[in-house]
Amino acid sequence: MEHTLKTWPEPFSETVTGRKRFEFRKNDRNYQVGDTLILREWLPDYLTYTGRELVVKVTYILYNGFDMPAGYCIMSIAPIEKEPEPTSADLDMQDHTPTVDAKKETARLIAERGMS
């Protein structure tokens, strides 16, 4: 099954660069190993997508344990399509602190898409 999911910029960037290989989600879609997730970068402040997406396959799911809230799951994911090239904003997220360059890249994406 295929699921399209909103992903905020920081976790999207971490997934693109390869540091984040999991999704913690409410299991309201009955996720299964082998499902395809289409992760679409979402700008919550502008209520719009950036146009970047990453397609991944679910390789493992943890449904309970370790005090995980009921109804949630942690999915291990692996890219199944060529990952988008990391932008300067992605690379700036390496220390988890947005820099001026990351802010400029976000502003560029917003201006490019006419989302002011």
PDB file of N, CA and C in Angstrom:
ATOM      1  N   MET A   1       0.833  -1.168   0.000  1.00  0.00           N
ATOM      2  CA  MET A   1       0.000   0.000   0.000  1.00  0.00           C
ATOM      3  C   MET A   1       0.885   1.242   0.000  1.00  0.00           C
ATOM      4  N   GLU A   2       0.379   2.300  -0.560  1.00  0.00           N
ATOM      5  CA  GLU A   2       1.121   3.555  -0.660  1.00  0.00           C
ATOM      6  C   GLU A   2       0.462   4.607   0.231  1.00  0.00           C
ATOM      7  N   HIS A   3       1.301   5.358   0.981  1.00  0.00           N
ATOM      8  CA  HIS A   3       0.814   6.400   1.882  1.00  0.00           C
ATOM      9  C   HIS A   3       1.583   7.691   1.588  1.00  0.00           C
ATOM     10  N   THR A   4       0.883   8.779   1.380  1.00  0.00           N
ATOM     11  CA  THR A   4       1.511  10.089   1.193  1.00  0.00           C
ATOM     12  C   THR A   4       1.443  10.828   2.523  1.00  0.00           C
ATOM     13  N   LEU A   5       2.617  11.277   3.016  1.00  0.00           N
ATOM     14  CA  LEU A   5       2.703  11.870   4.344  1.00  0.00           C
ATOM     15  C   LEU A   5       3.384  13.232   4.312  1.00  0.00           C
ATOM     16  N   LYS A   6       2.830  14.169   5.061  1.00  0.00           N
ATOM     17  CA  LYS A   6       3.479  15.470   5.258  1.00  0.00           C
ATOM     18  C   LYS A   6       4.680  15.259   6.164  1.00  0.00           C
ATOM     19  N   THR A   7       5.781  15.917   5.822  1.00  0.00           N
ATOM     20  CA  THR A   7       6.985  15.843   6.644  1.00  0.00           C
ATOM     21  C   THR A   7       7.553  17.248   6.778  1.00  0.00           C
ATOM     22  N   TRP A   8       7.707  17.713   7.999  1.00  0.00           N
ATOM     23  CA  TRP A   8       8.212  19.060   8.239  1.00  0.00           C
ATOM     24  C   TRP A   8       9.671  19.157   7.797  1.00  0.00           C
ATOM     25  N   PRO A   9      10.169  20.378   7.532  1.00  0.00           N
ATOM     26  CA  PRO A   9      11.503  20.553   6.942  1.00  0.00           C
ATOM     27  C   PRO A   9      12.658  19.873   7.677  1.00  0.00           C
ATOM     28  N   GLU A  10      12.750  20.007   8.996  1.00  0.00           N
ATOM     29  CA  GLU A  10      13.910  19.418   9.679  1.00  0.00           C
ATOM     30  C   GLU A  10      13.951  17.900   9.556  1.00  0.00           C
ATOM     31  N   PRO A  11      12.863  17.171   9.886  1.00  0.00           N
ATOM     32  CA  PRO A  11      12.960  15.721   9.707  1.00  0.00           C
ATOM     33  C   PRO A  11      13.098  15.306   8.244  1.00  0.00           C
ATOM     34  N   PHE A  12      12.517  16.079   7.328  1.00  0.00           N
ATOM     35  CA  PHE A  12      12.685  15.769   5.906  1.00  0.00           C
ATOM     36  C   PHE A  12      14.162  15.869   5.529  1.00  0.00           C
ATOM     37  N   SER A  13      14.806  16.960   5.946  1.00  0.00           N
ATOM     38  CA  SER A  13      16.232  17.153   5.653  1.00  0.00           C
ATOM     39  C   SER A  13      17.077  16.038   6.243  1.00  0.00           C
ATOM     40  N   GLU A  14      16.765  15.644   7.473  1.00  0.00           N
ATOM     41  CA  GLU A  14      17.521  14.571   8.126  1.00  0.00           C
ATOM     42  C   GLU A  14      17.347  13.245   7.388  1.00  0.00           C
ATOM     43  N   THR A  15      16.171  13.020   6.813  1.00  0.00           N
ATOM     44  CA  THR A  15      15.929  11.798   6.048  1.00  0.00           C
ATOM     45  C   THR A  15      16.683  11.846   4.718  1.00  0.00           C
ATOM     46  N   VAL A  16      16.655  13.004   4.063  1.00  0.00           N
ATOM     47  CA  VAL A  16      17.354  13.163   2.785  1.00  0.00           C
ATOM     48  C   VAL A  16      18.844  12.913   2.942  1.00  0.00           C
ATOM     49  N   THR A  17      19.444  13.423   4.030  1.00  0.00           N
ATOM     50  CA  THR A  17      20.884  13.259   4.219  1.00  0.00           C
ATOM     51  C   THR A  17      21.254  11.876   4.734  1.00  0.00           C
ATOM     52  N   GLY A  18      20.264  11.077   5.127  1.00  0.00           N
ATOM     53  CA  GLY A  18      20.537   9.715   5.554  1.00  0.00           C
ATOM     54  C   GLY A  18      20.706   9.517   7.047  1.00  0.00           C
ATOM     55  N   ARG A  19      20.640  10.584   7.823  1.00  0.00           N
ATOM     56  CA  ARG A  19      20.789  10.441   9.273  1.00  0.00           C
ATOM     57  C   ARG A  19      19.525   9.902   9.933  1.00  0.00           C
ATOM     58  N   LYS A  20      18.373  10.158   9.347  1.00  0.00           N
ATOM     59  CA  LYS A  20      17.105   9.687   9.919  1.00  0.00           C
ATOM     60  C   LYS A  20      16.545   8.591   9.016  1.00  0.00           C
ATOM     61  N   ARG A  21      16.412   7.392   9.564  1.00  0.00           N
ATOM     62  CA  ARG A  21      15.907   6.256   8.789  1.00  0.00           C
ATOM     63  C   ARG A  21      14.722   5.605   9.496  1.00  0.00           C
ATOM     64  N   PHE A  22      13.869   6.455  10.086  1.00  0.00           N
ATOM     65  CA  PHE A  22      12.677   5.937  10.760  1.00  0.00           C
ATOM     66  C   PHE A  22      11.571   6.979  10.668  1.00  0.00           C
ATOM     67  N   GLU A  23      10.351   6.520  10.861  1.00  0.00           N
ATOM     68  CA  GLU A  23       9.189   7.393  10.973  1.00  0.00           C
ATOM     69  C   GLU A  23       8.425   6.977  12.213  1.00  0.00           C
ATOM     70  N   PHE A  24       8.128   7.925  13.087  1.00  0.00           N
ATOM     71  CA  PHE A  24       7.275   7.706  14.247  1.00  0.00           C
ATOM     72  C   PHE A  24       5.941   8.335  13.903  1.00  0.00           C
ATOM     73  N   ARG A  25       4.902   7.519  13.783  1.00  0.00           N
ATOM     74  CA  ARG A  25       3.602   8.006  13.306  1.00  0.00           C
ATOM     75  C   ARG A  25       2.463   7.376  14.084  1.00  0.00           C
ATOM     76  N   LYS A  26       1.362   8.106  14.112  1.00  0.00           N
ATOM     77  CA  LYS A  26       0.118   7.517  14.591  1.00  0.00           C
ATOM     78  C   LYS A  26      -0.256   6.432  13.592  1.00  0.00           C
ATOM     79  N   ASN A  27      -0.592   5.254  14.081  1.00  0.00           N
ATOM     80  CA  ASN A  27      -0.891   4.146  13.179  1.00  0.00           C
ATOM     81  C   ASN A  27      -2.372   4.150  12.801  1.00  0.00           C
ATOM     82  N   ASP A  28      -2.788   5.227  12.174  1.00  0.00           N
ATOM     83  CA  ASP A  28      -4.183   5.367  11.753  1.00  0.00           C
ATOM     84  C   ASP A  28      -4.395   4.890  10.315  1.00  0.00           C
ATOM     85  N   ARG A  29      -3.341   4.297   9.731  1.00  0.00           N
ATOM     86  CA  ARG A  29      -3.415   3.821   8.346  1.00  0.00           C
ATOM     87  C   ARG A  29      -3.086   2.342   8.222  1.00  0.00           C
ATOM     88  N   ASN A  30      -2.950   1.673   9.359  1.00  0.00           N
ATOM     89  CA  ASN A  30      -2.608   0.255   9.364  1.00  0.00           C
ATOM     90  C   ASN A  30      -1.326  -0.020   8.559  1.00  0.00           C
ATOM     91  N   TYR A  31      -0.256   0.706   8.895  1.00  0.00           N
ATOM     92  CA  TYR A  31       1.027   0.535   8.208  1.00  0.00           C
ATOM     93  C   TYR A  31       1.500  -0.907   8.299  1.00  0.00           C
ATOM     94  N   GLN A  32       2.127  -1.377   7.227  1.00  0.00           N
ATOM     95  CA  GLN A  32       2.644  -2.742   7.157  1.00  0.00           C
ATOM     96  C   GLN A  32       4.040  -2.730   6.537  1.00  0.00           C
ATOM     97  N   VAL A  33       4.866  -3.711   6.912  1.00  0.00           N
ATOM     98  CA  VAL A  33       6.161  -3.883   6.261  1.00  0.00           C
ATOM     99  C   VAL A  33       5.905  -4.067   4.765  1.00  0.00           C
ATOM    100  N   GLY A  34       6.688  -3.376   3.954  1.00  0.00           N
ATOM    101  CA  GLY A  34       6.529  -3.430   2.500  1.00  0.00           C
ATOM    102  C   GLY A  34       5.742  -2.253   1.946  1.00  0.00           C
ATOM    103  N   ASP A  35       5.058  -1.500   2.817  1.00  0.00           N
ATOM    104  CA  ASP A  35       4.335  -0.317   2.347  1.00  0.00           C
ATOM    105  C   ASP A  35       5.310   0.709   1.796  1.00  0.00           C
ATOM    106  N   THR A  36       4.819   1.541   0.897  1.00  0.00           N
ATOM    107  CA  THR A  36       5.588   2.652   0.339  1.00  0.00           C
ATOM    108  C   THR A  36       5.103   3.936   0.982  1.00  0.00           C
ATOM    109  N   LEU A  37       6.041   4.752   1.455  1.00  0.00           N
ATOM    110  CA  LEU A  37       5.716   6.062   2.013  1.00  0.00           C
ATOM    111  C   LEU A  37       6.250   7.132   1.069  1.00  0.00           C
ATOM    112  N   ILE A  38       5.401   8.056   0.687  1.00  0.00           N
ATOM    113  CA  ILE A  38       5.832   9.211  -0.096  1.00  0.00           C
ATOM    114  C   ILE A  38       5.901  10.362   0.891  1.00  0.00           C
ATOM    115  N   LEU A  39       7.125  10.714   1.273  1.00  0.00           N
ATOM    116  CA  LEU A  39       7.346  11.793   2.233  1.00  0.00           C
ATOM    117  C   LEU A  39       7.430  13.101   1.462  1.00  0.00           C
ATOM    118  N   ARG A  40       6.494  14.009   1.729  1.00  0.00           N
ATOM    119  CA  ARG A  40       6.448  15.304   1.045  1.00  0.00           C
ATOM    120  C   ARG A  40       6.799  16.404   2.037  1.00  0.00           C
ATOM    121  N   GLU A  41       7.806  17.197   1.688  1.00  0.00           N
ATOM    122  CA  GLU A  41       8.224  18.280   2.580  1.00  0.00           C
ATOM    123  C   GLU A  41       7.113  19.321   2.682  1.00  0.00           C
ATOM    124  N   TRP A  42       6.740  19.671   3.907  1.00  0.00           N
ATOM    125  CA  TRP A  42       5.613  20.546   4.214  1.00  0.00           C
ATOM    126  C   TRP A  42       6.092  21.742   5.028  1.00  0.00           C
ATOM    127  N   LEU A  43       5.677  22.933   4.645  1.00  0.00           N
ATOM    128  CA  LEU A  43       5.994  24.144   5.405  1.00  0.00           C
ATOM    129  C   LEU A  43       4.785  24.493   6.264  1.00  0.00           C
ATOM    130  N   PRO A  44       4.814  24.135   7.556  1.00  0.00           N
ATOM    131  CA  PRO A  44       3.634  24.337   8.397  1.00  0.00           C
ATOM    132  C   PRO A  44       3.250  25.804   8.568  1.00  0.00           C
ATOM    133  N   ASP A  45       4.218  26.708   8.547  1.00  0.00           N
ATOM    134  CA  ASP A  45       3.900  28.130   8.701  1.00  0.00           C
ATOM    135  C   ASP A  45       3.163  28.696   7.491  1.00  0.00           C
ATOM    136  N   TYR A  46       3.313  28.054   6.338  1.00  0.00           N
ATOM    137  CA  TYR A  46       2.694  28.536   5.099  1.00  0.00           C
ATOM    138  C   TYR A  46       1.601  27.596   4.586  1.00  0.00           C
ATOM    139  N   LEU A  47       1.417  26.472   5.295  1.00  0.00           N
ATOM    140  CA  LEU A  47       0.397  25.482   4.936  1.00  0.00           C
ATOM    141  C   LEU A  47       0.492  25.063   3.477  1.00  0.00           C
ATOM    142  N   THR A  48       1.731  24.742   3.065  1.00  0.00           N
ATOM    143  CA  THR A  48       1.955  24.333   1.679  1.00  0.00           C
ATOM    144  C   THR A  48       3.159  23.399   1.593  1.00  0.00           C
ATOM    145  N   TYR A  49       3.226  22.671   0.489  1.00  0.00           N
ATOM    146  CA  TYR A  49       4.355  21.786   0.210  1.00  0.00           C
ATOM    147  C   TYR A  49       5.444  22.564  -0.517  1.00  0.00           C
ATOM    148  N   THR A  50       6.705  22.112  -0.346  1.00  0.00           N
ATOM    149  CA  THR A  50       7.826  22.748  -1.046  1.00  0.00           C
ATOM    150  C   THR A  50       7.998  22.189  -2.448  1.00  0.00           C
ATOM    151  N   GLY A  51       7.444  21.019  -2.703  1.00  0.00           N
ATOM    152  CA  GLY A  51       7.641  20.357  -3.990  1.00  0.00           C
ATOM    153  C   GLY A  51       8.659  19.233  -3.917  1.00  0.00           C
ATOM    154  N   ARG A  52       9.406  19.151  -2.804  1.00  0.00           N
ATOM    155  CA  ARG A  52      10.374  18.067  -2.656  1.00  0.00           C
ATOM    156  C   ARG A  52       9.691  16.873  -2.023  1.00  0.00           C
ATOM    157  N   GLU A  53      10.035  15.684  -2.495  1.00  0.00           N
ATOM    158  CA  GLU A  53       9.506  14.464  -1.892  1.00  0.00           C
ATOM    159  C   GLU A  53      10.542  13.359  -1.974  1.00  0.00           C
ATOM    160  N   LEU A  54      10.356  12.373  -1.108  1.00  0.00           N
ATOM    161  CA  LEU A  54      11.246  11.228  -1.040  1.00  0.00           C
ATOM    162  C   LEU A  54      10.374   9.987  -0.906  1.00  0.00           C
ATOM    163  N   VAL A  55      10.640   8.979  -1.712  1.00  0.00           N
ATOM    164  CA  VAL A  55       9.863   7.737  -1.673  1.00  0.00           C
ATOM    165  C   VAL A  55      10.692   6.691  -0.937  1.00  0.00           C
ATOM    166  N   VAL A  56      10.077   6.093   0.098  1.00  0.00           N
ATOM    167  CA  VAL A  56      10.777   5.101   0.912  1.00  0.00           C
ATOM    168  C   VAL A  56       9.903   3.863   1.092  1.00  0.00           C
ATOM    169  N   LYS A  57      10.546   2.778   1.460  1.00  0.00           N
ATOM    170  CA  LYS A  57       9.863   1.509   1.730  1.00  0.00           C
ATOM    171  C   LYS A  57       9.957   1.232   3.232  1.00  0.00           C
ATOM    172  N   VAL A  58       8.871   0.734   3.821  1.00  0.00           N
ATOM    173  CA  VAL A  58       8.861   0.339   5.231  1.00  0.00           C
ATOM    174  C   VAL A  58       9.518  -1.041   5.331  1.00  0.00           C
ATOM    175  N   THR A  59      10.583  -1.136   6.139  1.00  0.00           N
ATOM    176  CA  THR A  59      11.323  -2.392   6.247  1.00  0.00           C
ATOM    177  C   THR A  59      11.093  -3.112   7.574  1.00  0.00           C
ATOM    178  N   TYR A  60      10.604  -2.408   8.585  1.00  0.00           N
ATOM    179  CA  TYR A  60      10.340  -2.998   9.896  1.00  0.00           C
ATOM    180  C   TYR A  60       9.391  -2.074  10.632  1.00  0.00           C
ATOM    181  N   ILE A  61       8.531  -2.621  11.490  1.00  0.00           N
ATOM    182  CA  ILE A  61       7.618  -1.796  12.285  1.00  0.00           C
ATOM    183  C   ILE A  61       7.606  -2.289  13.725  1.00  0.00           C
ATOM    184  N   LEU A  62       7.759  -1.349  14.647  1.00  0.00           N
ATOM    185  CA  LEU A  62       7.603  -1.614  16.076  1.00  0.00           C
ATOM    186  C   LEU A  62       6.260  -1.015  16.479  1.00  0.00           C
ATOM    187  N   TYR A  63       5.339  -1.872  16.897  1.00  0.00           N
ATOM    188  CA  TYR A  63       3.986  -1.425  17.229  1.00  0.00           C
ATOM    189  C   TYR A  63       3.793  -1.111  18.709  1.00  0.00           C
ATOM    190  N   ASN A  64       4.573  -1.738  19.576  1.00  0.00           N
ATOM    191  CA  ASN A  64       4.401  -1.470  21.003  1.00  0.00           C
ATOM    192  C   ASN A  64       5.688  -1.801  21.741  1.00  0.00           C
ATOM    193  N   GLY A  65       5.701  -1.424  23.004  1.00  0.00           N
ATOM    194  CA  GLY A  65       6.883  -1.633  23.828  1.00  0.00           C
ATOM    195  C   GLY A  65       7.605  -0.326  24.076  1.00  0.00           C
ATOM    196  N   PHE A  66       8.517  -0.349  25.015  1.00  0.00           N
ATOM    197  CA  PHE A  66       9.346   0.813  25.339  1.00  0.00           C
ATOM    198  C   PHE A  66       8.503   2.044  25.664  1.00  0.00           C
ATOM    199  N   ASP A  67       7.348   1.829  26.295  1.00  0.00           N
ATOM    200  CA  ASP A  67       6.443   2.919  26.690  1.00  0.00           C
ATOM    201  C   ASP A  67       5.942   3.751  25.510  1.00  0.00           C
ATOM    202  N   MET A  68       5.886   3.133  24.340  1.00  0.00           N
ATOM    203  CA  MET A  68       5.348   3.827  23.171  1.00  0.00           C
ATOM    204  C   MET A  68       3.855   4.050  23.382  1.00  0.00           C
ATOM    205  N   PRO A  69       3.353   5.237  23.037  1.00  0.00           N
ATOM    206  CA  PRO A  69       1.920   5.494  23.206  1.00  0.00           C
ATOM    207  C   PRO A  69       1.079   4.519  22.380  1.00  0.00           C
ATOM    208  N   ALA A  70      -0.038   4.109  22.941  1.00  0.00           N
ATOM    209  CA  ALA A  70      -0.948   3.203  22.229  1.00  0.00           C
ATOM    210  C   ALA A  70      -1.394   3.862  20.934  1.00  0.00           C
ATOM    211  N   GLY A  71      -1.467   3.057  19.874  1.00  0.00           N
ATOM    212  CA  GLY A  71      -1.943   3.563  18.596  1.00  0.00           C
ATOM    213  C   GLY A  71      -0.868   4.203  17.733  1.00  0.00           C
ATOM    214  N   TYR A  72       0.391   4.152  18.154  1.00  0.00           N
ATOM    215  CA  TYR A  72       1.501   4.709  17.386  1.00  0.00           C
ATOM    216  C   TYR A  72       2.448   3.587  16.975  1.00  0.00           C
ATOM    217  N   CYS A  73       3.318   3.884  16.011  1.00  0.00           N
ATOM    218  CA  CYS A  73       4.312   2.901  15.591  1.00  0.00           C
ATOM    219  C   CYS A  73       5.583   3.619  15.162  1.00  0.00           C
ATOM    220  N   ILE A  74       6.665   2.876  15.175  1.00  0.00           N
ATOM    221  CA  ILE A  74       7.948   3.353  14.658  1.00  0.00           C
ATOM    222  C   ILE A  74       8.287   2.459  13.480  1.00  0.00           C
ATOM    223  N   MET A  75       8.484   3.081  12.317  1.00  0.00           N
ATOM    224  CA  MET A  75       8.789   2.330  11.104  1.00  0.00           C
ATOM    225  C   MET A  75      10.234   2.581  10.675  1.00  0.00           C
ATOM    226  N   SER A  76      10.975   1.506  10.439  1.00  0.00           N
ATOM    227  CA  SER A  76      12.281   1.636   9.791  1.00  0.00           C
ATOM    228  C   SER A  76      12.001   1.836   8.309  1.00  0.00           C
ATOM    229  N   ILE A  77      12.750   2.753   7.698  1.00  0.00           N
ATOM    230  CA  ILE A  77      12.524   3.063   6.286  1.00  0.00           C
ATOM    231  C   ILE A  77      13.825   3.021   5.508  1.00  0.00           C
ATOM    232  N   ALA A  78      13.693   2.745   4.217  1.00  0.00           N
ATOM    233  CA  ALA A  78      14.842   2.739   3.303  1.00  0.00           C
ATOM    234  C   ALA A  78      14.398   3.387   2.000  1.00  0.00           C
ATOM    235  N   PRO A  79      15.232   4.278   1.444  1.00  0.00           N
ATOM    236  CA  PRO A  79      14.856   4.909   0.173  1.00  0.00           C
ATOM    237  C   PRO A  79      14.737   3.880  -0.943  1.00  0.00           C
ATOM    238  N   ILE A  80      13.746   4.061  -1.809  1.00  0.00           N
ATOM    239  CA  ILE A  80      13.601   3.147  -2.948  1.00  0.00           C
ATOM    240  C   ILE A  80      13.728   3.892  -4.267  1.00  0.00           C
ATOM    241  N   GLU A  81      13.890   5.203  -4.200  1.00  0.00           N
ATOM    242  CA  GLU A  81      14.154   6.001  -5.389  1.00  0.00           C
ATOM    243  C   GLU A  81      15.359   6.857  -5.074  1.00  0.00           C
ATOM    244  N   LYS A  82      15.951   7.398  -6.116  1.00  0.00           N
ATOM    245  CA  LYS A  82      17.087   8.283  -5.903  1.00  0.00           C
ATOM    246  C   LYS A  82      16.672   9.412  -4.978  1.00  0.00           C
ATOM    247  N   GLU A  83      17.470   9.612  -3.943  1.00  0.00           N
ATOM    248  CA  GLU A  83      17.168  10.676  -2.990  1.00  0.00           C
ATOM    249  C   GLU A  83      17.432  12.024  -3.643  1.00  0.00           C
ATOM    250  N   PRO A  84      16.631  13.043  -3.274  1.00  0.00           N
ATOM    251  CA  PRO A  84      16.923  14.371  -3.795  1.00  0.00           C
ATOM    252  C   PRO A  84      18.289  14.830  -3.293  1.00  0.00           C
ATOM    253  N   GLU A  85      18.961  15.626  -4.094  1.00  0.00           N
ATOM    254  CA  GLU A  85      20.254  16.155  -3.668  1.00  0.00           C
ATOM    255  C   GLU A  85      20.034  17.051  -2.448  1.00  0.00           C
ATOM    256  N   PRO A  86      20.858  16.882  -1.394  1.00  0.00           N
ATOM    257  CA  PRO A  86      20.710  17.755  -0.233  1.00  0.00           C
ATOM    258  C   PRO A  86      20.943  19.210  -0.624  1.00  0.00           C
ATOM    259  N   THR A  87      20.113  20.093  -0.102  1.00  0.00           N
ATOM    260  CA  THR A  87      20.300  21.526  -0.318  1.00  0.00           C
ATOM    261  C   THR A  87      21.194  22.054   0.786  1.00  0.00           C
ATOM    262  N   SER A  88      21.588  23.317   0.689  1.00  0.00           N
ATOM    263  CA  SER A  88      22.392  23.906   1.758  1.00  0.00           C
ATOM    264  C   SER A  88      21.616  23.892   3.064  1.00  0.00           C
ATOM    265  N   ALA A  89      20.287  24.018   3.005  1.00  0.00           N
ATOM    266  CA  ALA A  89      19.477  23.964   4.228  1.00  0.00           C
ATOM    267  C   ALA A  89      19.570  22.582   4.869  1.00  0.00           C
ATOM    268  N   ASP A  90      19.545  21.511   4.076  1.00  0.00           N
ATOM    269  CA  ASP A  90      19.674  20.163   4.615  1.00  0.00           C
ATOM    270  C   ASP A  90      21.010  20.001   5.326  1.00  0.00           C
ATOM    271  N   LEU A  91      22.059  20.450   4.676  1.00  0.00           N
ATOM    272  CA  LEU A  91      23.390  20.288   5.236  1.00  0.00           C
ATOM    273  C   LEU A  91      23.567  21.116   6.492  1.00  0.00           C
ATOM    274  N   ASP A  92      22.917  22.276   6.554  1.00  0.00           N
ATOM    275  CA  ASP A  92      22.993  23.114   7.747  1.00  0.00           C
ATOM    276  C   ASP A  92      22.277  22.483   8.930  1.00  0.00           C
ATOM    277  N   MET A  93      21.361  21.563   8.682  1.00  0.00           N
ATOM    278  CA  MET A  93      20.621  20.915   9.761  1.00  0.00           C
ATOM    279  C   MET A  93      21.465  19.856  10.458  1.00  0.00           C
ATOM    280  N   GLN A  94      22.699  19.615   9.989  1.00  0.00           N
ATOM    281  CA  GLN A  94      23.522  18.566  10.580  1.00  0.00           C
ATOM    282  C   GLN A  94      23.699  18.756  12.079  1.00  0.00           C
ATOM    283  N   ASP A  95      23.790  20.008  12.528  1.00  0.00           N
ATOM    284  CA  ASP A  95      23.929  20.239  13.970  1.00  0.00           C
ATOM    285  C   ASP A  95      22.591  20.579  14.610  1.00  0.00           C
ATOM    286  N   HIS A  96      21.493  20.413  13.842  1.00  0.00           N
ATOM    287  CA  HIS A  96      20.123  20.631  14.312  1.00  0.00           C
ATOM    288  C   HIS A  96      19.837  22.085  14.668  1.00  0.00           C
ATOM    289  N   THR A  97      20.682  22.994  14.220  1.00  0.00           N
ATOM    290  CA  THR A  97      20.458  24.400  14.473  1.00  0.00           C
ATOM    291  C   THR A  97      20.354  25.113  13.133  1.00  0.00           C
ATOM    292  N   PRO A  98      19.164  25.623  12.794  1.00  0.00           N
ATOM    293  CA  PRO A  98      19.053  26.340  11.528  1.00  0.00           C
ATOM    294  C   PRO A  98      20.024  27.513  11.502  1.00  0.00           C
ATOM    295  N   THR A  99      20.720  27.677  10.402  1.00  0.00           N
ATOM    296  CA  THR A  99      21.652  28.775  10.252  1.00  0.00           C
ATOM    297  C   THR A  99      21.039  29.815   9.335  1.00  0.00           C
ATOM    298  N   VAL A 100      21.774  30.891   9.136  1.00  0.00           N
ATOM    299  CA  VAL A 100      21.306  31.928   8.226  1.00  0.00           C
ATOM    300  C   VAL A 100      21.114  31.332   6.839  1.00  0.00           C
ATOM    301  N   ASP A 101      22.027  30.422   6.416  1.00  0.00           N
ATOM    302  CA  ASP A 101      21.896  29.802   5.105  1.00  0.00           C
ATOM    303  C   ASP A 101      20.615  28.975   5.012  1.00  0.00           C
ATOM    304  N   ALA A 102      20.280  28.253   6.086  1.00  0.00           N
ATOM    305  CA  ALA A 102      19.050  27.454   6.086  1.00  0.00           C
ATOM    306  C   ALA A 102      17.845  28.370   5.967  1.00  0.00           C
ATOM    307  N   LYS A 103      17.886  29.496   6.677  1.00  0.00           N
ATOM    308  CA  LYS A 103      16.779  30.449   6.607  1.00  0.00           C
ATOM    309  C   LYS A 103      16.684  31.057   5.211  1.00  0.00           C
ATOM    310  N   LYS A 104      17.838  31.337   4.592  1.00  0.00           N
ATOM    311  CA  LYS A 104      17.841  31.876   3.226  1.00  0.00           C
ATOM    312  C   LYS A 104      17.275  30.864   2.250  1.00  0.00           C
ATOM    313  N   GLU A 105      17.636  29.585   2.426  1.00  0.00           N
ATOM    314  CA  GLU A 105      17.140  28.543   1.528  1.00  0.00           C
ATOM    315  C   GLU A 105      15.622  28.404   1.656  1.00  0.00           C
ATOM    316  N   THR A 106      15.102  28.456   2.883  1.00  0.00           N
ATOM    317  CA  THR A 106      13.656  28.390   3.085  1.00  0.00           C
ATOM    318  C   THR A 106      12.984  29.593   2.448  1.00  0.00           C
ATOM    319  N   ALA A 107      13.558  30.774   2.627  1.00  0.00           N
ATOM    320  CA  ALA A 107      12.995  31.986   2.010  1.00  0.00           C
ATOM    321  C   ALA A 107      13.033  31.876   0.493  1.00  0.00           C
ATOM    322  N   ARG A 108      14.121  31.299  -0.050  1.00  0.00           N
ATOM    323  CA  ARG A 108      14.218  31.121  -1.495  1.00  0.00           C
ATOM    324  C   ARG A 108      13.110  30.200  -2.004  1.00  0.00           C
ATOM    325  N   LEU A 109      12.880  29.078  -1.292  1.00  0.00           N
ATOM    326  CA  LEU A 109      11.828  28.149  -1.692  1.00  0.00           C
ATOM    327  C   LEU A 109      10.453  28.812  -1.641  1.00  0.00           C
ATOM    328  N   ILE A 110      10.239  29.620  -0.621  1.00  0.00           N
ATOM    329  CA  ILE A 110       8.954  30.318  -0.485  1.00  0.00           C
ATOM    330  C   ILE A 110       8.767  31.306  -1.621  1.00  0.00           C
ATOM    331  N   ALA A 111       9.801  32.088  -1.913  1.00  0.00           N
ATOM    332  CA  ALA A 111       9.708  33.071  -3.000  1.00  0.00           C
ATOM    333  C   ALA A 111       9.541  32.386  -4.349  1.00  0.00           C
ATOM    334  N   GLU A 112      10.263  31.291  -4.541  1.00  0.00           N
ATOM    335  CA  GLU A 112      10.205  30.551  -5.800  1.00  0.00           C
ATOM    336  C   GLU A 112       8.787  30.032  -6.086  1.00  0.00           C
ATOM    337  N   ARG A 113       8.093  29.689  -5.038  1.00  0.00           N
ATOM    338  CA  ARG A 113       6.755  29.134  -5.194  1.00  0.00           C
ATOM    339  C   ARG A 113       5.639  30.173  -4.974  1.00  0.00           C
ATOM    340  N   GLY A 114       6.039  31.441  -4.754  1.00  0.00           N
ATOM    341  CA  GLY A 114       5.074  32.510  -4.594  1.00  0.00           C
ATOM    342  C   GLY A 114       4.201  32.344  -3.359  1.00  0.00           C
ATOM    343  N   MET A 115       4.839  31.955  -2.232  1.00  0.00           N
ATOM    344  CA  MET A 115       4.070  31.658  -1.027  1.00  0.00           C
ATOM    345  C   MET A 115       4.268  32.725   0.043  1.00  0.00           C
ATOM    346  N   SER A 116       4.438  33.959  -0.320  1.00  0.00           N
ATOM    347  CA  SER A 116       4.715  34.985   0.693  1.00  0.00           C
ATOM    348  C   SER A 116       3.519  35.319   1.537  1.00  0.00           C
TER     349      SER A 116
END
